[in-house]
Structures are given as C-alpha cells and as structure tokens.
C-alpha atoms as a PDB file:
ATOM      1  CA  MET A   1      30.000  -2.776  25.427  1.00  0.00           C
ATOM      2  CA  ALA A   2      27.806  -4.588  23.102  1.00  0.00           C
ATOM      3  CA  PRO A   3      27.923  -3.870  19.788  1.00  0.00           C
ATOM      4  CA  ARG A   4      25.084  -1.582  18.229  1.00  0.00           C
ATOM      5  CA  LYS A   5      22.693  -3.098  15.601  1.00  0.00           C
ATOM      6  CA  ALA A   6      21.975  -1.147  12.798  1.00  0.00           C
ATOM      7  CA  THR A   7      18.713   0.205  12.294  1.00  0.00           C
ATOM      8  CA  ARG A   8      16.386   0.218   9.254  1.00  0.00           C
ATOM      9  CA  THR A   9      14.784   3.227   7.784  1.00  0.00           C
ATOM     10  CA  ILE A  10      11.332   2.283   7.025  1.00  0.00           C
ATOM     11  CA  TYR A  11      10.695   3.796   3.604  1.00  0.00           C
ATOM     12  CA  LYS A  12       7.095   5.841   3.317  1.00  0.00           C
ATOM     13  CA  PRO A  13       5.860   5.467  -0.588  1.00  0.00           C
ATOM     14  CA  LYS A  14       3.568   7.502  -2.092  1.00  0.00           C
ATOM     15  CA  VAL A  15      -0.010   5.642  -2.946  1.00  0.00           C
ATOM     16  CA  GLY A  16       0.119   4.374  -6.074  1.00  0.00           C
ATOM     17  CA  GLU A  17       3.896   3.468  -6.154  1.00  0.00           C
ATOM     18  CA  VAL A  18       5.045   0.012  -6.878  1.00  0.00           C
ATOM     19  CA  VAL A  19       7.245  -1.125  -4.023  1.00  0.00           C
ATOM     20  CA  ARG A  20       8.955  -4.390  -3.256  1.00  0.00           C
ATOM     21  CA  ASP A  21       7.659  -6.584   0.096  1.00  0.00           C
ATOM     22  CA  ARG A  22      10.795  -8.360   1.393  1.00  0.00           C
ATOM     23  CA  ALA A  23       8.171 -10.041   4.211  1.00  0.00           C
ATOM     24  CA  HIS A  24       6.236 -11.894   1.036  1.00  0.00           C
ATOM     25  CA  LYS A  25       9.535 -13.384  -0.714  1.00  0.00           C
ATOM     26  CA  GLY A  26       9.946 -10.236  -2.397  1.00  0.00           C
ATOM     27  CA  ALA A  27       6.524  -9.979  -4.205  1.00  0.00           C
ATOM     28  CA  GLU A  28       6.107  -6.501  -5.974  1.00  0.00           C
ATOM     29  CA  GLY A  29       2.545  -4.404  -5.446  1.00  0.00           C
ATOM     30  CA  THR A  30       1.078  -1.414  -5.690  1.00  0.00           C
ATOM     31  CA  TYR A  31       1.200   0.253  -2.261  1.00  0.00           C
ATOM     32  CA  MET A  32      -2.211   1.315  -1.550  1.00  0.00           C
ATOM     33  CA  GLY A  33      -2.226   2.988   1.644  1.00  0.00           C
ATOM     34  CA  THR A  34      -1.529   2.293   5.644  1.00  0.00           C
ATOM     35  CA  GLN A  35      -4.217   1.324   8.533  1.00  0.00           C
ATOM     36  CA  GLY A  36      -4.142   0.099  12.004  1.00  0.00           C
ATOM     37  CA  GLY A  37      -0.132   0.013  11.403  1.00  0.00           C
ATOM     38  CA  MET A  38      -0.365  -2.086   8.621  1.00  0.00           C
ATOM     39  CA  ALA A  39       0.275  -1.602   5.058  1.00  0.00           C
ATOM     40  CA  TYR A  40      -1.699  -2.668   2.062  1.00  0.00           C
ATOM     41  CA  LEU A  41      -0.404  -3.642  -1.273  1.00  0.00           C
ATOM     42  CA  ARG A  42      -2.043  -4.760  -4.038  1.00  0.00           C
ATOM     43  CA  PRO A  43      -0.795  -6.869  -7.385  1.00  0.00           C
ATOM     44  CA  ARG A  44       0.489  -4.739 -10.287  1.00  0.00           C
ATOM     45  CA  GLY A  45      -2.348  -6.278 -12.634  1.00  0.00           C
ATOM     46  CA  GLY A  46      -5.062  -5.690  -9.876  1.00  0.00           C
ATOM     47  CA  GLY A  47      -6.602  -8.105  -7.282  1.00  0.00           C
ATOM     48  CA  GLN A  48      -6.814  -9.052  -3.766  1.00  0.00           C
ATOM     49  CA  GLU A  49      -4.601  -6.729  -1.047  1.00  0.00           C
ATOM     50  CA  TRP A  50      -2.681  -8.511   0.824  1.00  0.00           C
ATOM     51  CA  GLU A  51      -1.432  -6.339   4.128  1.00  0.00           C
ATOM     52  CA  THR A  52       2.425  -6.429   5.309  1.00  0.00           C
ATOM     53  CA  TYR A  53       4.063  -4.543   7.873  1.00  0.00           C
ATOM     54  CA  PRO A  54       5.427  -1.218   6.823  1.00  0.00           C
ATOM     55  CA  ASN A  55       9.023  -2.040   7.501  1.00  0.00           C
ATOM     56  CA  GLU A  56       9.142  -4.596   5.165  1.00  0.00           C
ATOM     57  CA  ILE A  57       8.456  -2.386   2.150  1.00  0.00           C
ATOM     58  CA  GLU A  58      11.100  -1.488   0.036  1.00  0.00           C
ATOM     59  CA  ALA A  59      11.392   1.155  -2.834  1.00  0.00           C
ATOM     60  CA  LEU A  60      12.439  -0.762  -6.359  1.00  0.00           C
ATOM     61  CA  PRO A  61      16.325  -0.555  -7.570  1.00  0.00           C
ATOM     62  CA  ASP A  62      15.017   1.260 -10.688  1.00  0.00           C
ATOM     63  CA  GLY A  63      13.254   4.281  -9.222  1.00  0.00           C
ATOM     64  CA  PRO A  64      10.075   4.273  -8.039  1.00  0.00           C
ATOM     65  CA  GLU A  65       7.113   3.408 -10.873  1.00  0.00           C
ATOM     66  CA  LEU A  66       3.218   4.370 -10.109  1.00  0.00           C
ATOM     67  CA  ILE A  67       0.395   3.572 -11.218  1.00  0.00           C
ATOM     68  CA  THR A  68      -3.140   5.181 -10.952  1.00  0.00           C
ATOM     69  CA  VAL A  69      -4.786   4.330  -8.439  1.00  0.00           C
ATOM     70  CA  MET A  70      -8.324   4.845  -8.642  1.00  0.00           C
ATOM     71  CA  ARG A  71     -10.750   4.557  -5.462  1.00  0.00           C
ATOM     72  CA  PRO A  72     -14.666   3.740  -6.290  1.00  0.00           C
ATOM     73  CA  SER A  73     -16.642   7.157  -4.891  1.00  0.00           C
ATOM     74  CA  SER A  74     -19.224   6.253  -1.663  1.00  0.00           C
ATOM     75  CA  PRO A  75     -22.417   4.821  -2.736  1.00  0.00           C
ATOM     76  CA  ARG A  76     -25.005   7.379  -3.648  1.00  0.00           C
ATOM     77  CA  CYS A  77     -28.501   6.372  -2.830  1.00  0.00           C
ATOM     78  CA  ALA A  78     -31.254   8.863  -4.494  1.00  0.00           C
ATOM     79  CA  PRO A  79     -32.994  11.069  -1.832  1.00  0.00           C
ATOM     80  CA  GLU A  80     -36.156   9.349  -0.175  1.00  0.00           C
ATOM     81  CA  ARG A  81     -39.772  10.574  -2.260  1.00  0.00           C
ATOM     82  CA  ILE A  82     -41.839  12.507   0.275  1.00  0.00           C
ATOM     83  CA  GLU A  83     -45.720  11.982  -0.482  1.00  0.00           C
ATOM     84  CA  PRO A  84     -48.092  14.842  -0.468  1.00  0.00           C
END
C-alpha cells in the first residue's frame, strides 16, 4: 500500500484580511474575494490586484489582520429628461 499524502486544508479568509500567498514567494496581500475559482489579493497599501489559487493562501502567523475594504458603488446616471 502506498503512503498517503498529507492534504492541505484550504484557508478561507474574510474579505479585508491580510494573508500570505505561497505561490508568489510569500507575498502578503489583502484578500478581496474569490471569483471563477481564483482568489484575488491586493497589496496592503493599495494597488493592482493579483490572482492566485485559493489553496496557496495562508493566514499570517501572528493572527488575522483586517483592513477596511471599500467598494465603489455602481455608476449612477441621472434619469432621462422627458420633454413635454
């Protein structure tokens, strides 16, 4: 019988939690969400998001750190003016 490989539990962070991305040399980023099977992280100070596999995310060793994530509202447009 072949030895069993250890399986890694996928860590599921909260939106706004700072996590470590093992796939990108241990880069730390703010978790923004998961879409299409990929997790999206953003640098702590802001900037362009990057994507990674959810199984490559891990919690920070010192415990969770949360950053407020502000999402812009949907674009609004003025109602069309109806001429009499």
